[in-house]
């Protein structure tokens, strides 16, 4: 049976930076704890350590955000992604899009148009 309220939370604003910090740490820990479950649910062909590393990178991207309303929006988006992921509302491609940047960096781009054309790449 599908329970759409599983993992649901009320949207709220942080009272202070300390409150926001506690909420961010709680969100980060929730994501880290759920990494094995995400790997199993979506049959990801990568170790749990790679998933946790990517989670860390996503949180580090916003490490120096200093405006409280922006932090609240990021927290809301994080929890929304968390709920959608763990409720299995996403497809495999939605989860894999977070790991795509590493794949794009390893693929060498052609140096010029002719080389790309001859290789059959767009």
N, C-alpha and C. Protein backbone atom coordinates (compact mmCIF):
# COMPACT_ATOMS: atom_id res chain seq x y z
N UNK A 1 0.83 -1.18 0.00
CA UNK A 1 0.00 0.00 0.00
C UNK A 1 0.89 1.25 0.00
N UNK A 2 0.54 2.21 -0.78
CA UNK A 2 1.31 3.45 -0.88
C UNK A 2 0.82 4.42 0.18
N UNK A 3 1.76 4.97 0.92
CA UNK A 3 1.44 5.95 1.95
C UNK A 3 2.11 7.27 1.56
N UNK A 4 1.38 8.19 0.96
CA UNK A 4 2.00 9.43 0.48
C UNK A 4 2.51 10.34 1.59
N UNK A 5 2.09 10.10 2.82
CA UNK A 5 2.56 10.96 3.92
C UNK A 5 3.79 10.39 4.61
N UNK A 6 4.32 9.26 4.11
CA UNK A 6 5.53 8.70 4.69
C UNK A 6 6.67 9.71 4.51
N UNK A 7 7.33 10.03 5.58
CA UNK A 7 8.45 10.99 5.62
C UNK A 7 8.01 12.44 5.45
N UNK A 8 6.72 12.71 5.46
CA UNK A 8 6.25 14.09 5.29
C UNK A 8 6.59 14.91 6.53
N UNK A 9 6.90 16.17 6.29
CA UNK A 9 7.20 17.12 7.37
C UNK A 9 6.47 18.42 7.07
N UNK A 10 6.21 19.15 8.13
CA UNK A 10 5.67 20.50 7.93
C UNK A 10 6.78 21.42 7.48
N UNK A 11 6.47 22.28 6.56
CA UNK A 11 7.43 23.27 6.12
C UNK A 11 7.52 24.36 7.18
N UNK A 12 8.74 24.70 7.57
CA UNK A 12 8.90 25.74 8.58
C UNK A 12 10.18 26.51 8.31
N UNK A 13 10.23 27.69 8.88
CA UNK A 13 11.43 28.52 8.78
C UNK A 13 12.30 28.29 9.99
N UNK A 14 13.58 28.43 9.79
CA UNK A 14 14.52 28.30 10.90
C UNK A 14 14.43 29.53 11.79
N UNK A 15 14.48 29.32 13.10
CA UNK A 15 14.39 30.43 14.05
C UNK A 15 15.71 31.21 14.12
N UNK A 16 16.82 30.51 13.90
CA UNK A 16 18.14 31.14 13.98
C UNK A 16 19.12 30.33 13.15
N UNK A 17 20.35 30.81 13.06
CA UNK A 17 21.37 30.07 12.33
C UNK A 17 21.71 28.76 13.03
N UNK A 18 21.64 28.75 14.36
CA UNK A 18 21.90 27.52 15.11
C UNK A 18 20.81 26.48 14.81
N UNK A 19 19.57 26.94 14.74
CA UNK A 19 18.47 26.04 14.39
C UNK A 19 18.65 25.51 12.97
N UNK A 20 19.02 26.38 12.06
CA UNK A 20 19.24 25.96 10.67
C UNK A 20 20.39 24.96 10.59
N UNK A 21 21.44 25.19 11.36
CA UNK A 21 22.58 24.28 11.36
C UNK A 21 22.16 22.90 11.86
N UNK A 22 21.35 22.85 12.90
CA UNK A 22 20.86 21.56 13.42
C UNK A 22 20.01 20.85 12.37
N UNK A 23 19.18 21.62 11.67
CA UNK A 23 18.32 21.02 10.65
C UNK A 23 19.14 20.50 9.47
N UNK A 24 20.18 21.22 9.09
CA UNK A 24 21.04 20.78 7.99
C UNK A 24 21.76 19.49 8.38
N UNK A 25 22.29 19.46 9.59
CA UNK A 25 23.00 18.25 10.05
C UNK A 25 22.04 17.06 10.11
N UNK A 26 20.82 17.29 10.57
CA UNK A 26 19.83 16.21 10.62
C UNK A 26 19.52 15.69 9.21
N UNK A 27 19.36 16.62 8.28
CA UNK A 27 19.08 16.23 6.90
C UNK A 27 20.26 15.45 6.31
N UNK A 28 21.46 15.93 6.56
CA UNK A 28 22.66 15.27 6.06
C UNK A 28 22.77 13.85 6.61
N UNK A 29 22.53 13.68 7.90
CA UNK A 29 22.59 12.35 8.52
C UNK A 29 21.50 11.43 7.98
N UNK A 30 20.32 11.97 7.76
CA UNK A 30 19.24 11.16 7.18
C UNK A 30 19.65 10.63 5.81
N UNK A 31 20.23 11.51 4.99
CA UNK A 31 20.67 11.09 3.67
C UNK A 31 21.75 10.02 3.77
N UNK A 32 22.73 10.22 4.65
CA UNK A 32 23.82 9.24 4.77
C UNK A 32 23.30 7.89 5.24
N UNK A 33 22.39 7.91 6.20
CA UNK A 33 21.83 6.65 6.71
C UNK A 33 21.01 5.91 5.65
N UNK A 34 20.41 6.64 4.75
CA UNK A 34 19.56 6.00 3.75
C UNK A 34 20.32 5.54 2.51
N UNK A 35 21.61 5.81 2.43
CA UNK A 35 22.40 5.44 1.24
C UNK A 35 22.31 3.95 0.91
N UNK A 36 22.45 3.04 1.88
CA UNK A 36 22.32 1.61 1.53
C UNK A 36 20.92 1.27 1.00
N UNK A 37 19.91 1.87 1.57
CA UNK A 37 18.54 1.63 1.12
C UNK A 37 18.32 2.14 -0.30
N UNK A 38 18.87 3.31 -0.59
CA UNK A 38 18.76 3.87 -1.94
C UNK A 38 19.46 2.97 -2.94
N UNK A 39 20.64 2.48 -2.57
CA UNK A 39 21.37 1.57 -3.46
C UNK A 39 20.56 0.32 -3.76
N UNK A 40 19.94 -0.22 -2.74
CA UNK A 40 19.16 -1.44 -2.90
C UNK A 40 17.86 -1.18 -3.68
N UNK A 41 17.15 -0.12 -3.34
CA UNK A 41 15.87 0.18 -3.98
C UNK A 41 16.02 0.41 -5.48
N UNK A 42 17.04 1.16 -5.86
CA UNK A 42 17.21 1.54 -7.26
C UNK A 42 18.21 0.62 -7.99
N UNK A 43 18.68 -0.42 -7.31
CA UNK A 43 19.63 -1.39 -7.89
C UNK A 43 20.81 -0.66 -8.53
N UNK A 44 21.39 0.25 -7.78
CA UNK A 44 22.52 1.02 -8.29
C UNK A 44 23.76 0.15 -8.35
N UNK A 45 24.46 0.23 -9.45
CA UNK A 45 25.64 -0.58 -9.67
C UNK A 45 26.89 0.19 -9.21
N UNK A 46 26.88 0.60 -7.95
CA UNK A 46 28.01 1.33 -7.38
C UNK A 46 28.01 1.10 -5.88
N UNK A 47 29.17 1.21 -5.26
CA UNK A 47 29.21 0.99 -3.81
C UNK A 47 28.52 2.11 -3.04
N UNK A 48 28.13 1.81 -1.83
CA UNK A 48 27.46 2.78 -0.96
C UNK A 48 28.38 3.97 -0.70
N UNK A 49 29.68 3.73 -0.67
CA UNK A 49 30.63 4.83 -0.43
C UNK A 49 30.55 5.89 -1.52
N UNK A 50 30.31 5.49 -2.77
CA UNK A 50 30.16 6.47 -3.85
C UNK A 50 28.90 7.30 -3.66
N UNK A 51 27.84 6.67 -3.21
CA UNK A 51 26.59 7.38 -2.97
C UNK A 51 26.79 8.39 -1.85
N UNK A 52 27.44 7.97 -0.79
CA UNK A 52 27.69 8.87 0.34
C UNK A 52 28.62 10.01 -0.05
N UNK A 53 29.58 9.74 -0.90
CA UNK A 53 30.47 10.79 -1.38
C UNK A 53 29.70 11.83 -2.18
N UNK A 54 28.77 11.37 -3.00
CA UNK A 54 27.97 12.29 -3.80
C UNK A 54 27.05 13.12 -2.91
N UNK A 55 26.49 12.50 -1.88
CA UNK A 55 25.66 13.23 -0.92
C UNK A 55 26.49 14.33 -0.27
N UNK A 56 27.70 13.99 0.13
CA UNK A 56 28.60 14.97 0.75
C UNK A 56 28.89 16.12 -0.20
N UNK A 57 29.14 15.82 -1.46
CA UNK A 57 29.42 16.85 -2.45
C UNK A 57 28.23 17.78 -2.64
N UNK A 58 27.03 17.22 -2.64
CA UNK A 58 25.83 18.05 -2.81
C UNK A 58 25.66 19.00 -1.63
N UNK A 59 25.94 18.52 -0.42
CA UNK A 59 25.83 19.40 0.75
C UNK A 59 26.98 20.42 0.77
N UNK A 60 28.16 20.02 0.34
CA UNK A 60 29.31 20.94 0.32
C UNK A 60 29.12 22.06 -0.70
N UNK A 61 28.37 21.81 -1.76
CA UNK A 61 28.12 22.86 -2.76
C UNK A 61 27.49 24.09 -2.13
N UNK A 62 26.71 23.90 -1.09
CA UNK A 62 25.97 25.00 -0.46
C UNK A 62 26.52 25.34 0.93
N UNK A 63 27.74 24.96 1.19
CA UNK A 63 28.32 25.14 2.52
C UNK A 63 28.36 26.59 2.97
N UNK A 64 28.64 27.50 2.08
CA UNK A 64 28.86 28.89 2.46
C UNK A 64 27.64 29.79 2.22
N UNK A 65 26.48 29.20 2.12
CA UNK A 65 25.26 30.00 2.02
C UNK A 65 25.03 30.65 3.38
N UNK A 66 24.81 31.96 3.39
CA UNK A 66 24.73 32.66 4.68
C UNK A 66 23.37 33.31 4.94
N UNK A 67 22.49 33.27 3.98
CA UNK A 67 21.18 33.88 4.19
C UNK A 67 20.20 32.83 4.68
N UNK A 68 19.56 33.13 5.79
CA UNK A 68 18.66 32.18 6.44
C UNK A 68 17.50 31.74 5.53
N UNK A 69 16.84 32.65 4.82
CA UNK A 69 15.76 32.19 3.93
C UNK A 69 16.25 31.23 2.83
N UNK A 70 17.45 31.47 2.33
CA UNK A 70 18.02 30.59 1.31
C UNK A 70 18.31 29.22 1.89
N UNK A 71 18.83 29.17 3.10
CA UNK A 71 19.08 27.90 3.78
C UNK A 71 17.77 27.14 3.96
N UNK A 72 16.71 27.85 4.33
CA UNK A 72 15.41 27.20 4.51
C UNK A 72 14.90 26.59 3.20
N UNK A 73 15.08 27.30 2.10
CA UNK A 73 14.65 26.77 0.80
C UNK A 73 15.48 25.55 0.43
N UNK A 74 16.79 25.61 0.67
CA UNK A 74 17.64 24.46 0.38
C UNK A 74 17.26 23.25 1.24
N UNK A 75 16.92 23.51 2.49
CA UNK A 75 16.47 22.43 3.36
C UNK A 75 15.16 21.82 2.87
N UNK A 76 14.24 22.69 2.45
CA UNK A 76 12.97 22.19 1.91
C UNK A 76 13.21 21.33 0.68
N UNK A 77 14.06 21.80 -0.23
CA UNK A 77 14.37 21.03 -1.44
C UNK A 77 15.06 19.71 -1.12
N UNK A 78 15.95 19.74 -0.14
CA UNK A 78 16.63 18.52 0.27
C UNK A 78 15.64 17.49 0.80
N UNK A 79 14.74 17.95 1.65
CA UNK A 79 13.77 17.00 2.20
C UNK A 79 12.80 16.51 1.13
N UNK A 80 12.46 17.36 0.20
CA UNK A 80 11.59 16.94 -0.90
C UNK A 80 12.26 15.84 -1.71
N UNK A 81 13.52 16.03 -2.05
CA UNK A 81 14.27 15.00 -2.78
C UNK A 81 14.37 13.72 -1.97
N UNK A 82 14.61 13.87 -0.68
CA UNK A 82 14.73 12.71 0.21
C UNK A 82 13.43 11.91 0.23
N UNK A 83 12.31 12.61 0.40
CA UNK A 83 11.02 11.95 0.45
C UNK A 83 10.69 11.27 -0.88
N UNK A 84 10.93 11.95 -1.98
CA UNK A 84 10.66 11.37 -3.29
C UNK A 84 11.54 10.15 -3.56
N UNK A 85 12.79 10.22 -3.11
CA UNK A 85 13.71 9.11 -3.34
C UNK A 85 13.32 7.89 -2.52
N UNK A 86 13.07 8.08 -1.24
CA UNK A 86 12.77 6.94 -0.38
C UNK A 86 11.35 6.40 -0.56
N UNK A 87 10.46 7.19 -1.08
CA UNK A 87 9.11 6.68 -1.38
C UNK A 87 9.07 6.00 -2.74
N UNK A 88 10.19 5.97 -3.42
CA UNK A 88 10.33 5.35 -4.74
C UNK A 88 9.43 6.03 -5.76
N UNK A 89 9.37 7.35 -5.67
CA UNK A 89 8.61 8.14 -6.63
C UNK A 89 9.47 8.56 -7.80
N UNK A 90 10.75 8.25 -7.74
CA UNK A 90 11.67 8.60 -8.82
C UNK A 90 11.97 7.37 -9.65
N UNK A 91 12.36 7.62 -10.87
CA UNK A 91 12.84 6.53 -11.71
C UNK A 91 14.36 6.49 -11.61
N UNK A 92 14.93 5.41 -12.09
CA UNK A 92 16.37 5.23 -12.01
C UNK A 92 17.12 6.39 -12.65
N UNK A 93 16.62 6.90 -13.77
CA UNK A 93 17.32 8.00 -14.45
C UNK A 93 17.34 9.26 -13.60
N UNK A 94 16.32 9.49 -12.78
CA UNK A 94 16.30 10.66 -11.92
C UNK A 94 17.38 10.57 -10.84
N UNK A 95 17.61 9.36 -10.36
CA UNK A 95 18.65 9.17 -9.34
C UNK A 95 20.03 9.25 -9.97
N UNK A 96 20.17 8.67 -11.14
CA UNK A 96 21.49 8.64 -11.79
C UNK A 96 21.94 10.00 -12.31
N UNK A 97 21.03 10.95 -12.44
CA UNK A 97 21.44 12.27 -12.94
C UNK A 97 22.44 12.94 -12.00
N UNK A 98 22.43 12.58 -10.72
CA UNK A 98 23.39 13.16 -9.79
C UNK A 98 24.81 12.64 -10.03
N UNK A 99 24.93 11.48 -10.64
CA UNK A 99 26.24 10.89 -10.88
C UNK A 99 26.73 11.14 -12.31
N UNK A 100 25.95 11.85 -13.08
CA UNK A 100 26.27 12.07 -14.48
C UNK A 100 27.49 12.96 -14.68
N UNK A 101 27.72 13.91 -13.83
CA UNK A 101 28.84 14.84 -14.01
C UNK A 101 30.18 14.11 -14.02
N UNK A 102 30.32 13.05 -13.21
CA UNK A 102 31.57 12.29 -13.22
C UNK A 102 31.75 11.59 -14.56
N UNK A 103 30.65 11.07 -15.12
CA UNK A 103 30.74 10.40 -16.40
C UNK A 103 31.11 11.38 -17.50
N UNK A 104 30.54 12.58 -17.46
CA UNK A 104 30.83 13.58 -18.48
C UNK A 104 32.28 14.01 -18.45
N UNK A 105 32.88 14.07 -17.27
CA UNK A 105 34.27 14.51 -17.16
C UNK A 105 35.23 13.46 -17.72
N UNK A 106 34.87 12.18 -17.60
CA UNK A 106 35.78 11.14 -18.08
C UNK A 106 35.73 11.02 -19.60
N UNK A 107 34.64 11.39 -20.22
CA UNK A 107 34.54 11.31 -21.67
C UNK A 107 35.25 12.51 -22.28
N UNK A 108 36.28 12.23 -23.04
CA UNK A 108 37.06 13.32 -23.64
C UNK A 108 36.29 13.91 -24.81
N UNK A 109 36.19 15.22 -24.82
CA UNK A 109 35.51 15.91 -25.92
C UNK A 109 36.47 16.09 -27.08
N UNK A 110 35.95 16.07 -28.30
CA UNK A 110 36.82 16.30 -29.44
C UNK A 110 37.39 17.72 -29.41
N UNK A 111 38.60 17.87 -29.97
CA UNK A 111 39.28 19.17 -29.93
C UNK A 111 38.70 20.16 -30.92
N UNK A 112 38.14 19.66 -32.02
CA UNK A 112 37.55 20.56 -33.01
C UNK A 112 36.38 19.86 -33.69
N UNK A 113 35.70 20.59 -34.53
CA UNK A 113 34.50 20.07 -35.18
C UNK A 113 34.80 18.87 -36.07
N UNK A 114 35.84 18.96 -36.88
CA UNK A 114 36.16 17.90 -37.83
C UNK A 114 36.49 16.60 -37.09
N UNK A 115 37.27 16.68 -36.03
CA UNK A 115 37.62 15.49 -35.26
C UNK A 115 36.35 14.84 -34.68
N UNK A 116 35.46 15.66 -34.14
CA UNK A 116 34.20 15.15 -33.61
C UNK A 116 33.33 14.54 -34.69
N UNK A 117 33.32 15.16 -35.87
CA UNK A 117 32.53 14.66 -37.00
C UNK A 117 33.05 13.30 -37.44
N UNK A 118 34.38 13.19 -37.54
CA UNK A 118 34.97 11.93 -37.99
C UNK A 118 34.78 10.81 -36.96
N UNK A 119 34.70 11.17 -35.68
CA UNK A 119 34.45 10.17 -34.63
C UNK A 119 32.98 9.81 -34.56
N UNK A 120 32.12 10.57 -35.21
CA UNK A 120 30.69 10.30 -35.18
C UNK A 120 30.00 10.86 -33.96
N UNK A 121 30.56 11.90 -33.37
CA UNK A 121 29.98 12.51 -32.18
C UNK A 121 29.32 13.82 -32.56
N UNK A 122 28.34 14.20 -31.78
CA UNK A 122 27.66 15.49 -32.02
C UNK A 122 28.42 16.60 -31.36
